[in-house]
PDB file of N, CA and C in Angstrom:
ATOM      1  N   MET A   1      31.412 -34.431 149.710  1.00  0.00           N
ATOM      2  CA  MET A   1      30.527 -33.489 150.830  1.00  0.00           C
ATOM      3  C   MET A   1      31.522 -33.380 152.101  1.00  0.00           C
ATOM      4  N   ARG A   2      32.583 -34.555 151.543  1.00  0.00           N
ATOM      5  CA  ARG A   2      33.942 -34.594 152.779  1.00  0.00           C
ATOM      6  C   ARG A   2      34.850 -33.749 151.985  1.00  0.00           C
ATOM      7  N   LYS A   3      35.146 -33.646 150.618  1.00  0.00           N
ATOM      8  CA  LYS A   3      36.017 -32.420 149.711  1.00  0.00           C
ATOM      9  C   LYS A   3      35.782 -31.097 150.573  1.00  0.00           C
ATOM     10  N   LEU A   4      34.313 -31.269 150.271  1.00  0.00           N
ATOM     11  CA  LEU A   4      33.896 -29.452 150.750  1.00  0.00           C
ATOM     12  C   LEU A   4      33.922 -29.504 152.040  1.00  0.00           C
ATOM     13  N   TYR A   5      34.605 -30.303 152.990  1.00  0.00           N
ATOM     14  CA  TYR A   5      34.693 -30.265 154.586  1.00  0.00           C
ATOM     15  C   TYR A   5      36.256 -30.010 154.512  1.00  0.00           C
ATOM     16  N   LEU A   6      36.663 -30.391 153.723  1.00  0.00           N
ATOM     17  CA  LEU A   6      38.512 -30.262 153.528  1.00  0.00           C
ATOM     18  C   LEU A   6      38.818 -28.788 153.214  1.00  0.00           C
ATOM     19  N   LEU A   7      38.227 -28.648 152.501  1.00  0.00           N
ATOM     20  CA  LEU A   7      37.918 -27.427 151.534  1.00  0.00           C
ATOM     21  C   LEU A   7      38.187 -26.314 152.418  1.00  0.00           C
ATOM     22  N   GLY A   8      36.902 -26.269 153.353  1.00  0.00           N
ATOM     23  CA  GLY A   8      36.335 -25.579 154.242  1.00  0.00           C
ATOM     24  C   GLY A   8      37.943 -25.706 155.611  1.00  0.00           C
ATOM     25  N   ILE A   9      38.212 -26.403 155.935  1.00  0.00           N
ATOM     26  CA  ILE A   9      39.234 -26.502 156.543  1.00  0.00           C
ATOM     27  C   ILE A   9      40.684 -26.013 156.172  1.00  0.00           C
ATOM     28  N   VAL A  10      40.704 -25.960 155.247  1.00  0.00           N
ATOM     29  CA  VAL A  10      41.940 -25.142 154.632  1.00  0.00           C
ATOM     30  C   VAL A  10      41.878 -23.665 154.102  1.00  0.00           C
ATOM     31  N   LEU A  11      40.623 -22.977 153.798  1.00  0.00           N
ATOM     32  CA  LEU A  11      40.493 -22.046 154.023  1.00  0.00           C
ATOM     33  C   LEU A  11      40.691 -21.143 155.490  1.00  0.00           C
ATOM     34  N   VAL A  12      40.114 -21.648 155.862  1.00  0.00           N
ATOM     35  CA  VAL A  12      39.956 -21.262 157.792  1.00  0.00           C
ATOM     36  C   VAL A  12      41.641 -21.163 157.961  1.00  0.00           C
ATOM     37  N   CYS A  13      42.298 -22.189 157.789  1.00  0.00           N
ATOM     38  CA  CYS A  13      44.028 -21.925 157.862  1.00  0.00           C
ATOM     39  C   CYS A  13      44.192 -21.154 157.433  1.00  0.00           C
ATOM     40  N   LEU A  14      44.122 -20.660 156.305  1.00  0.00           N
ATOM     41  CA  LEU A  14      45.097 -19.952 155.200  1.00  0.00           C
ATOM     42  C   LEU A  14      44.281 -18.320 155.457  1.00  0.00           C
ATOM     43  N   THR A  15      43.670 -18.273 156.423  1.00  0.00           N
ATOM     44  CA  THR A  15      42.559 -17.282 156.607  1.00  0.00           C
ATOM     45  C   THR A  15      43.395 -16.942 158.070  1.00  0.00           C
ATOM     46  N   VAL A  16      43.493 -17.623 159.247  1.00  0.00           N
ATOM     47  CA  VAL A  16      44.291 -17.743 160.072  1.00  0.00           C
ATOM     48  C   VAL A  16      45.907 -17.134 159.756  1.00  0.00           C
ATOM     49  N   PHE A  17      46.150 -17.922 159.123  1.00  0.00           N
ATOM     50  CA  PHE A  17      47.548 -17.621 158.664  1.00  0.00           C
ATOM     51  C   PHE A  17      48.079 -16.396 158.426  1.00  0.00           C
ATOM     52  N   ILE A  18      47.186 -15.813 157.302  1.00  0.00           N
ATOM     53  CA  ILE A  18      47.527 -14.442 156.376  1.00  0.00           C
ATOM     54  C   ILE A  18      47.117 -13.422 157.362  1.00  0.00           C
ATOM     55  N   GLN A  19      46.321 -13.740 158.467  1.00  0.00           N
ATOM     56  CA  GLN A  19      45.230 -12.660 159.776  1.00  0.00           C
ATOM     57  C   GLN A  19      47.185 -12.612 160.860  1.00  0.00           C
ATOM     58  N   THR A  20      47.592 -13.559 160.956  1.00  0.00           N
ATOM     59  CA  THR A  20      48.881 -13.838 162.168  1.00  0.00           C
ATOM     60  C   THR A  20      49.792 -13.068 161.138  1.00  0.00           C
ATOM     61  N   ALA A  21      50.186 -13.396 159.722  1.00  0.00           N
ATOM     62  CA  ALA A  21      51.156 -12.730 159.272  1.00  0.00           C
ATOM     63  C   ALA A  21      51.491 -10.961 159.138  1.00  0.00           C
ATOM     64  N   MET A  22      49.710 -10.874 159.178  1.00  0.00           N
ATOM     65  CA  MET A  22      49.700  -8.950 159.294  1.00  0.00           C
ATOM     66  C   MET A  22      49.927  -8.464 160.002  1.00  0.00           C
ATOM     67  N   VAL A  23      49.154  -9.571 161.364  1.00  0.00           N
ATOM     68  CA  VAL A  23      49.694  -8.696 162.312  1.00  0.00           C
ATOM     69  C   VAL A  23      50.968  -8.295 163.006  1.00  0.00           C
ATOM     70  N   ALA A  24      51.628  -9.266 162.690  1.00  0.00           N
ATOM     71  CA  ALA A  24      53.422  -9.671 162.920  1.00  0.00           C
ATOM     72  C   ALA A  24      54.237  -8.032 162.067  1.00  0.00           C
ATOM     73  N   ASN A  25      53.625  -8.145 160.823  1.00  0.00           N
ATOM     74  CA  ASN A  25      54.275  -7.102 160.227  1.00  0.00           C
ATOM     75  C   ASN A  25      53.161  -5.794 160.830  1.00  0.00           C
ATOM     76  N   ALA A  26      53.151  -6.140 161.272  1.00  0.00           N
ATOM     77  CA  ALA A  26      52.272  -4.757 161.881  1.00  0.00           C
ATOM     78  C   ALA A  26      53.210  -4.329 163.149  1.00  0.00           C
ATOM     79  N   GLN A  27      53.757  -4.763 163.704  1.00  0.00           N
ATOM     80  CA  GLN A  27      54.512  -4.978 165.347  1.00  0.00           C
ATOM     81  C   GLN A  27      55.598  -4.531 165.385  1.00  0.00           C
ATOM     82  N   GLN A  28      55.661  -3.313 164.024  1.00  0.00           N
ATOM     83  CA  GLN A  28      56.908  -2.846 163.999  1.00  0.00           C
ATOM     84  C   GLN A  28      57.845  -1.881 165.243  1.00  0.00           C
ATOM     85  N   GLU A  29      59.779  -1.638 164.889  1.00  0.00           N
ATOM     86  CA  GLU A  29      60.013  -1.338 165.782  1.00  0.00           C
ATOM     87  C   GLU A  29      59.957  -0.005 165.861  1.00  0.00           C
ATOM     88  N   ALA A  30      60.248   0.945 166.921  1.00  0.00           N
ATOM     89  CA  ALA A  30      59.991   2.507 166.504  1.00  0.00           C
ATOM     90  C   ALA A  30      60.828   3.010 165.760  1.00  0.00           C
ATOM     91  N   PRO A  31      60.249   3.733 165.304  1.00  0.00           N
ATOM     92  CA  PRO A  31      61.264   4.703 163.888  1.00  0.00           C
ATOM     93  C   PRO A  31      62.709   5.314 165.045  1.00  0.00           C
ATOM     94  N   ALA A  32      63.780   5.498 164.206  1.00  0.00           N
ATOM     95  CA  ALA A  32      65.273   5.866 164.811  1.00  0.00           C
ATOM     96  C   ALA A  32      64.583   7.281 165.142  1.00  0.00           C
ATOM     97  N   TYR A  33      63.958   7.829 164.606  1.00  0.00           N
ATOM     98  CA  TYR A  33      64.156   9.892 165.299  1.00  0.00           C
ATOM     99  C   TYR A  33      62.909   9.177 166.146  1.00  0.00           C
ATOM    100  N   ALA A  34      62.174   8.173 166.625  1.00  0.00           N
ATOM    101  CA  ALA A  34      61.128   8.519 167.867  1.00  0.00           C
ATOM    102  C   ALA A  34      62.006   9.088 169.166  1.00  0.00           C
ATOM    103  N   LYS A  35      63.065   8.979 169.095  1.00  0.00           N
ATOM    104  CA  LYS A  35      63.463  10.040 170.286  1.00  0.00           C
ATOM    105  C   LYS A  35      63.400  11.180 170.323  1.00  0.00           C
ATOM    106  N   TRP A  36      63.824  11.730 169.271  1.00  0.00           N
ATOM    107  CA  TRP A  36      63.914  13.222 168.803  1.00  0.00           C
ATOM    108  C   TRP A  36      62.664  13.553 168.612  1.00  0.00           C
ATOM    109  N   GLY A  37      61.907  12.886 168.258  1.00  0.00           N
ATOM    110  CA  GLY A  37      60.126  13.574 167.815  1.00  0.00           C
ATOM    111  C   GLY A  37      59.689  13.661 169.478  1.00  0.00           C
ATOM    112  N   GLN A  38      59.785  12.466 170.400  1.00  0.00           N
ATOM    113  CA  GLN A  38      59.657  12.981 172.082  1.00  0.00           C
ATOM    114  C   GLN A  38      60.188  14.624 172.692  1.00  0.00           C
ATOM    115  N   MET A  39      61.286  14.646 171.931  1.00  0.00           N
ATOM    116  CA  MET A  39      61.751  15.882 172.876  1.00  0.00           C
ATOM    117  C   MET A  39      61.645  16.933 171.919  1.00  0.00           C
ATOM    118  N   ALA A  40      61.218  16.879 170.882  1.00  0.00           N
ATOM    119  CA  ALA A  40      60.191  18.139 170.066  1.00  0.00           C
ATOM    120  C   ALA A  40      59.457  18.226 170.537  1.00  0.00           C
ATOM    121  N   ILE A  41      58.520  17.654 170.701  1.00  0.00           N
ATOM    122  CA  ILE A  41      57.140  17.230 171.734  1.00  0.00           C
ATOM    123  C   ILE A  41      56.979  18.194 173.272  1.00  0.00           C
ATOM    124  N   LYS A  42      57.836  17.593 173.838  1.00  0.00           N
ATOM    125  CA  LYS A  42      58.449  18.072 175.150  1.00  0.00           C
ATOM    126  C   LYS A  42      59.177  19.758 174.734  1.00  0.00           C
ATOM    127  N   GLU A  43      59.499  19.739 174.034  1.00  0.00           N
ATOM    128  CA  GLU A  43      59.956  21.404 174.096  1.00  0.00           C
ATOM    129  C   GLU A  43      58.728  22.131 173.684  1.00  0.00           C
ATOM    130  N   VAL A  44      57.693  21.626 172.744  1.00  0.00           N
ATOM    131  CA  VAL A  44      56.483  22.618 172.251  1.00  0.00           C
ATOM    132  C   VAL A  44      55.503  22.841 173.519  1.00  0.00           C
ATOM    133  N   LYS A  45      55.486  21.691 174.200  1.00  0.00           N
ATOM    134  CA  LYS A  45      54.435  21.688 175.293  1.00  0.00           C
ATOM    135  C   LYS A  45      54.789  22.655 176.428  1.00  0.00           C
ATOM    136  N   ALA A  46      55.790  22.306 176.395  1.00  0.00           N
ATOM    137  CA  ALA A  46      56.724  23.647 177.382  1.00  0.00           C
ATOM    138  C   ALA A  46      56.519  24.996 176.860  1.00  0.00           C
ATOM    139  N   LYS A  47      56.947  25.337 175.946  1.00  0.00           N
ATOM    140  CA  LYS A  47      56.634  26.823 174.936  1.00  0.00           C
ATOM    141  C   LYS A  47      55.026  27.166 175.298  1.00  0.00           C
ATOM    142  N   TYR A  48      54.212  26.236 174.731  1.00  0.00           N
ATOM    143  CA  TYR A  48      53.196  26.527 174.620  1.00  0.00           C
ATOM    144  C   TYR A  48      52.045  25.588 175.143  1.00  0.00           C
ATOM    145  N   PRO A  49      51.811  25.676 176.362  1.00  0.00           N
ATOM    146  CA  PRO A  49      51.758  24.929 177.729  1.00  0.00           C
ATOM    147  C   PRO A  49      50.019  25.085 176.916  1.00  0.00           C
ATOM    148  N   SER A  50      49.223  25.487 177.063  1.00  0.00           N
ATOM    149  CA  SER A  50      47.775  26.099 176.739  1.00  0.00           C
ATOM    150  C   SER A  50      47.541  25.330 175.316  1.00  0.00           C
ATOM    151  N   ALA A  51      48.419  25.036 174.463  1.00  0.00           N
ATOM    152  CA  ALA A  51      48.213  24.664 172.879  1.00  0.00           C
ATOM    153  C   ALA A  51      48.069  23.285 172.811  1.00  0.00           C
ATOM    154  N   LYS A  52      46.788  22.392 172.031  1.00  0.00           N
ATOM    155  CA  LYS A  52      47.207  20.937 171.870  1.00  0.00           C
ATOM    156  C   LYS A  52      47.428  20.771 170.392  1.00  0.00           C
ATOM    157  N   ILE A  53      48.709  19.872 170.571  1.00  0.00           N
ATOM    158  CA  ILE A  53      49.035  19.353 169.226  1.00  0.00           C
ATOM    159  C   ILE A  53      47.963  18.626 168.942  1.00  0.00           C
ATOM    160  N   ILE A  54      47.828  18.985 167.410  1.00  0.00           N
ATOM    161  CA  ILE A  54      47.453  17.911 166.798  1.00  0.00           C
ATOM    162  C   ILE A  54      47.375  17.350 165.388  1.00  0.00           C
ATOM    163  N   ASP A  55      48.907  17.312 165.395  1.00  0.00           N
ATOM    164  CA  ASP A  55      49.236  16.935 163.976  1.00  0.00           C
ATOM    165  C   ASP A  55      51.505  16.903 164.181  1.00  0.00           C
ATOM    166  N   TYR A  56      52.024  15.931 163.787  1.00  0.00           N
ATOM    167  CA  TYR A  56      53.157  15.786 164.220  1.00  0.00           C
ATOM    168  C   TYR A  56      53.800  15.341 162.348  1.00  0.00           C
ATOM    169  N   LEU A  57      54.562  15.786 162.515  1.00  0.00           N
ATOM    170  CA  LEU A  57      55.702  15.115 161.306  1.00  0.00           C
ATOM    171  C   LEU A  57      57.046  15.175 161.360  1.00  0.00           C
ATOM    172  N   HIS A  58      57.934  14.218 160.872  1.00  0.00           N
ATOM    173  CA  HIS A  58      59.101  14.183 160.688  1.00  0.00           C
ATOM    174  C   HIS A  58      59.446  14.306 159.228  1.00  0.00           C
ATOM    175  N   GLU A  59      60.247  15.570 159.368  1.00  0.00           N
ATOM    176  CA  GLU A  59      60.744  16.035 158.161  1.00  0.00           C
ATOM    177  C   GLU A  59      62.378  15.569 157.727  1.00  0.00           C
ATOM    178  N   GLY A  60      62.423  14.632 158.497  1.00  0.00           N
ATOM    179  CA  GLY A  60      64.009  13.974 158.056  1.00  0.00           C
ATOM    180  C   GLY A  60      65.030  15.349 159.081  1.00  0.00           C
ATOM    181  N   LYS A  61      66.349  14.258 158.704  1.00  0.00           N
ATOM    182  CA  LYS A  61      67.564  14.753 159.003  1.00  0.00           C
ATOM    183  C   LYS A  61      68.805  15.537 158.270  1.00  0.00           C
ATOM    184  N   GLU A  62      69.427  15.671 158.731  1.00  0.00           N
ATOM    185  CA  GLU A  62      70.672  16.635 157.399  1.00  0.00           C
ATOM    186  C   GLU A  62      71.614  16.127 158.755  1.00  0.00           C
ATOM    187  N   VAL A  63      72.851  15.231 158.068  1.00  0.00           N
ATOM    188  CA  VAL A  63      73.738  15.522 158.625  1.00  0.00           C
ATOM    189  C   VAL A  63      74.969  16.394 158.311  1.00  0.00           C
ATOM    190  N   HIS A  64      75.682  16.750 159.230  1.00  0.00           N
ATOM    191  CA  HIS A  64      76.845  18.005 158.510  1.00  0.00           C
ATOM    192  C   HIS A  64      77.822  17.933 159.596  1.00  0.00           C
ATOM    193  N   GLY A  65      78.516  16.889 158.794  1.00  0.00           N
ATOM    194  CA  GLY A  65      79.924  16.565 159.866  1.00  0.00           C
ATOM    195  C   GLY A  65      79.817  15.531 160.998  1.00  0.00           C
ATOM    196  N   ALA A  66      79.908  16.044 161.882  1.00  0.00           N
ATOM    197  CA  ALA A  66      79.679  15.401 163.596  1.00  0.00           C
ATOM    198  C   ALA A  66      78.580  15.371 164.101  1.00  0.00           C
ATOM    199  N   SER A  67      77.496  16.238 163.192  1.00  0.00           N
ATOM    200  CA  SER A  67      76.200  16.992 163.981  1.00  0.00           C
ATOM    201  C   SER A  67      75.286  16.521 163.053  1.00  0.00           C
ATOM    202  N   THR A  68      74.007  16.198 163.595  1.00  0.00           N
ATOM    203  CA  THR A  68      72.659  15.777 163.036  1.00  0.00           C
ATOM    204  C   THR A  68      71.844  16.035 163.566  1.00  0.00           C
ATOM    205  N   ILE A  69      70.828  17.283 162.885  1.00  0.00           N
ATOM    206  CA  ILE A  69      69.972  18.139 162.840  1.00  0.00           C
ATOM    207  C   ILE A  69      68.408  16.968 162.720  1.00  0.00           C
ATOM    208  N   GLU A  70      67.427  16.736 163.434  1.00  0.00           N
ATOM    209  CA  GLU A  70      66.498  16.279 163.096  1.00  0.00           C
ATOM    210  C   GLU A  70      65.413  17.142 163.557  1.00  0.00           C
ATOM    211  N   LYS A  71      64.440  16.941 161.626  1.00  0.00           N
ATOM    212  CA  LYS A  71      63.705  18.382 161.811  1.00  0.00           C
ATOM    213  C   LYS A  71      62.220  17.459 161.836  1.00  0.00           C
ATOM    214  N   PHE A  72      60.970  18.013 162.631  1.00  0.00           N
ATOM    215  CA  PHE A  72      59.790  18.314 163.241  1.00  0.00           C
ATOM    216  C   PHE A  72      59.127  19.232 162.527  1.00  0.00           C
ATOM    217  N   LYS A  73      57.597  19.044 162.249  1.00  0.00           N
ATOM    218  CA  LYS A  73      56.500  20.503 162.556  1.00  0.00           C
ATOM    219  C   LYS A  73      55.629  19.645 163.166  1.00  0.00           C
ATOM    220  N   LEU A  74      55.360  20.462 164.033  1.00  0.00           N
ATOM    221  CA  LEU A  74      54.227  19.922 164.880  1.00  0.00           C
ATOM    222  C   LEU A  74      53.107  20.811 164.547  1.00  0.00           C
ATOM    223  N   TRP A  75      51.527  20.639 164.705  1.00  0.00           N
ATOM    224  CA  TRP A  75      50.753  21.548 163.555  1.00  0.00           C
ATOM    225  C   TRP A  75      49.923  21.533 165.749  1.00  0.00           C
ATOM    226  N   LEU A  76      49.880  23.449 165.926  1.00  0.00           N
ATOM    227  CA  LEU A  76      48.951  23.243 167.325  1.00  0.00           C
ATOM    228  C   LEU A  76      47.904  23.785 167.391  1.00  0.00           C
ATOM    229  N   LYS A  77      47.005  23.706 167.957  1.00  0.00           N
ATOM    230  CA  LYS A  77      45.664  24.680 167.767  1.00  0.00           C
ATOM    231  C   LYS A  77      45.400  24.915 169.226  1.00  0.00           C
ATOM    232  N   GLN A  78      44.989  26.124 169.460  1.00  0.00           N
ATOM    233  CA  GLN A  78      44.513  27.425 170.633  1.00  0.00           C
ATOM    234  C   GLN A  78      43.155  27.425 170.468  1.00  0.00           C
ATOM    235  N   PRO A  79      42.442  27.736 171.415  1.00  0.00           N
ATOM    236  CA  PRO A  79      41.019  28.287 170.933  1.00  0.00           C
ATOM    237  C   PRO A  79      41.096  29.768 170.135  1.00  0.00           C
ATOM    238  N   ASP A  80      41.795  30.537 170.323  1.00  0.00           N
ATOM    239  CA  ASP A  80      41.779  31.466 168.850  1.00  0.00           C
ATOM    240  C   ASP A  80      42.466  31.270 167.712  1.00  0.00           C
ATOM    241  N   LYS A  81      43.492  30.787 167.733  1.00  0.00           N
ATOM    242  CA  LYS A  81      44.068  29.572 166.682  1.00  0.00           C
ATOM    243  C   LYS A  81      44.624  28.582 166.236  1.00  0.00           C
ATOM    244  N   GLU A  82      45.314  28.388 164.978  1.00  0.00           N
ATOM    245  CA  GLU A  82      46.350  27.318 164.920  1.00  0.00           C
ATOM    246  C   GLU A  82      47.146  27.195 163.876  1.00  0.00           C
ATOM    247  N   PHE A  83      48.179  26.958 164.019  1.00  0.00           N
ATOM    248  CA  PHE A  83      49.350  27.128 163.934  1.00  0.00           C
ATOM    249  C   PHE A  83      50.310  26.367 163.696  1.00  0.00           C
ATOM    250  N   GLY A  84      51.411  26.326 163.078  1.00  0.00           N
ATOM    251  CA  GLY A  84      52.411  25.206 162.811  1.00  0.00           C
ATOM    252  C   GLY A  84      54.211  25.423 164.076  1.00  0.00           C
ATOM    253  N   VAL A  85      54.790  24.817 164.562  1.00  0.00           N
ATOM    254  CA  VAL A  85      55.922  25.044 164.978  1.00  0.00           C
ATOM    255  C   VAL A  85      56.947  24.242 164.617  1.00  0.00           C
ATOM    256  N   TYR A  86      58.084  24.555 163.657  1.00  0.00           N
ATOM    257  CA  TYR A  86      59.135  23.804 163.305  1.00  0.00           C
ATOM    258  C   TYR A  86      59.999  23.928 164.368  1.00  0.00           C
ATOM    259  N   VAL A  87      61.146  22.011 164.054  1.00  0.00           N
ATOM    260  CA  VAL A  87      61.275  22.241 165.476  1.00  0.00           C
ATOM    261  C   VAL A  87      62.751  21.434 165.006  1.00  0.00           C
ATOM    262  N   ARG A  88      63.880  21.996 165.123  1.00  0.00           N
ATOM    263  CA  ARG A  88      65.087  21.345 164.977  1.00  0.00           C
ATOM    264  C   ARG A  88      66.456  20.977 165.986  1.00  0.00           C
ATOM    265  N   ILE A  89      66.641  19.690 165.846  1.00  0.00           N
ATOM    266  CA  ILE A  89      67.104  19.489 167.022  1.00  0.00           C
ATOM    267  C   ILE A  89      68.660  18.802 166.912  1.00  0.00           C
ATOM    268  N   SER A  90      69.261  19.606 167.116  1.00  0.00           N
ATOM    269  CA  SER A  90      70.720  19.907 166.801  1.00  0.00           C
ATOM    270  C   SER A  90      71.728  18.688 167.998  1.00  0.00           C
ATOM    271  N   TYR A  91      72.367  17.814 167.311  1.00  0.00           N
ATOM    272  CA  TYR A  91      73.439  17.231 168.475  1.00  0.00           C
ATOM    273  C   TYR A  91      74.265  16.109 168.233  1.00  0.00           C
ATOM    274  N   GLN A  92      75.650  16.123 168.320  1.00  0.00           N
ATOM    275  CA  GLN A  92      76.731  15.192 168.262  1.00  0.00           C
ATOM    276  C   GLN A  92      76.121  13.884 167.689  1.00  0.00           C
ATOM    277  N   SER A  93      76.671  13.819 166.580  1.00  0.00           N
ATOM    278  CA  SER A  93      75.945  12.204 165.989  1.00  0.00           C
ATOM    279  C   SER A  93      76.717  11.247 166.759  1.00  0.00           C
ATOM    280  N   ALA A  94      77.819  11.327 167.271  1.00  0.00           N
ATOM    281  CA  ALA A  94      78.604  10.146 168.375  1.00  0.00           C
ATOM    282  C   ALA A  94      77.677   9.922 169.227  1.00  0.00           C
ATOM    283  N   THR A  95      77.606  11.305 170.120  1.00  0.00           N
ATOM    284  CA  THR A  95      77.132  11.043 171.196  1.00  0.00           C
ATOM    285  C   THR A  95      76.215  11.469 171.915  1.00  0.00           C
ATOM    286  N   GLN A  96      75.447  11.777 170.630  1.00  0.00           N
ATOM    287  CA  GLN A  96      73.495  11.695 170.895  1.00  0.00           C
ATOM    288  C   GLN A  96      73.402  13.413 171.654  1.00  0.00           C
ATOM    289  N   LYS A  97      74.693  13.781 172.244  1.00  0.00           N
ATOM    290  CA  LYS A  97      74.207  15.384 173.270  1.00  0.00           C
ATOM    291  C   LYS A  97      73.874  15.899 171.702  1.00  0.00           C
ATOM    292  N   VAL A  98      72.934  16.753 172.520  1.00  0.00           N
ATOM    293  CA  VAL A  98      71.910  17.586 171.841  1.00  0.00           C
ATOM    294  C   VAL A  98      72.974  19.270 172.506  1.00  0.00           C
ATOM    295  N   GLU A  99      72.809  19.711 171.236  1.00  0.00           N
ATOM    296  CA  GLU A  99      73.637  20.980 170.669  1.00  0.00           C
ATOM    297  C   GLU A  99      72.704  22.278 171.020  1.00  0.00           C
ATOM    298  N   LYS A 100      71.696  21.897 170.273  1.00  0.00           N
ATOM    299  CA  LYS A 100      70.724  22.894 169.937  1.00  0.00           C
ATOM    300  C   LYS A 100      69.328  22.704 169.960  1.00  0.00           C
ATOM    301  N   ILE A 101      68.493  23.261 170.722  1.00  0.00           N
ATOM    302  CA  ILE A 101      67.175  23.220 169.670  1.00  0.00           C
ATOM    303  C   ILE A 101      66.422  24.398 169.538  1.00  0.00           C
ATOM    304  N   GLU A 102      65.688  24.403 168.570  1.00  0.00           N
ATOM    305  CA  GLU A 102      65.386  26.243 167.867  1.00  0.00           C
ATOM    306  C   GLU A 102      63.606  25.430 167.066  1.00  0.00           C
ATOM    307  N   LEU A 103      62.540  26.441 168.323  1.00  0.00           N
ATOM    308  CA  LEU A 103      61.722  26.398 167.453  1.00  0.00           C
ATOM    309  C   LEU A 103      61.208  27.491 166.705  1.00  0.00           C
ATOM    310  N   GLN A 104      60.263  27.560 165.783  1.00  0.00           N
ATOM    311  CA  GLN A 104      59.922  28.656 164.970  1.00  0.00           C
ATOM    312  C   GLN A 104      58.402  28.576 164.810  1.00  0.00           C
ATOM    313  N   GLU A 105      57.748  29.391 164.962  1.00  0.00           N
ATOM    314  CA  GLU A 105      56.110  29.682 164.260  1.00  0.00           C
ATOM    315  C   GLU A 105      56.031  29.383 162.990  1.00  0.00           C
ATOM    316  N   SER A 106      54.928  28.971 162.174  1.00  0.00           N
ATOM    317  CA  SER A 106      54.390  28.985 161.356  1.00  0.00           C
ATOM    318  C   SER A 106      53.000  29.169 161.315  1.00  0.00           C
ATOM    319  N   THR A 107      52.511  30.045 160.262  1.00  0.00           N
ATOM    320  CA  THR A 107      51.229  29.805 159.992  1.00  0.00           C
ATOM    321  C   THR A 107      50.682  29.108 159.083  1.00  0.00           C
ATOM    322  N   SER A 108      51.836  28.339 158.568  1.00  0.00           N
ATOM    323  CA  SER A 108      51.361  27.716 157.116  1.00  0.00           C
ATOM    324  C   SER A 108      51.841  26.286 156.834  1.00  0.00           C
TER     325      SER A 108
END
């Protein structure tokens, strides 16, 4: 009976340890593109104030010499239609000064 009691305590401790490790891994830092994603959302909301953003995708980045382009696709919903908006944010890699923001609508 005593062995069964000890086995129960060990199992509970293992479960707590595993749960704690999983929670610690889930609390990661924000991705490097988070700042640019917030900017993309802000720009889209400004251009389409009545639309609801229902999806968001970071498509990656391109580095061209001293400039970087962060690429996003946001999916919007208005009462009469759904559509995508591609957002391209170009900035100086060293200073992170924004050079240009481009928005382009898409139906797919």
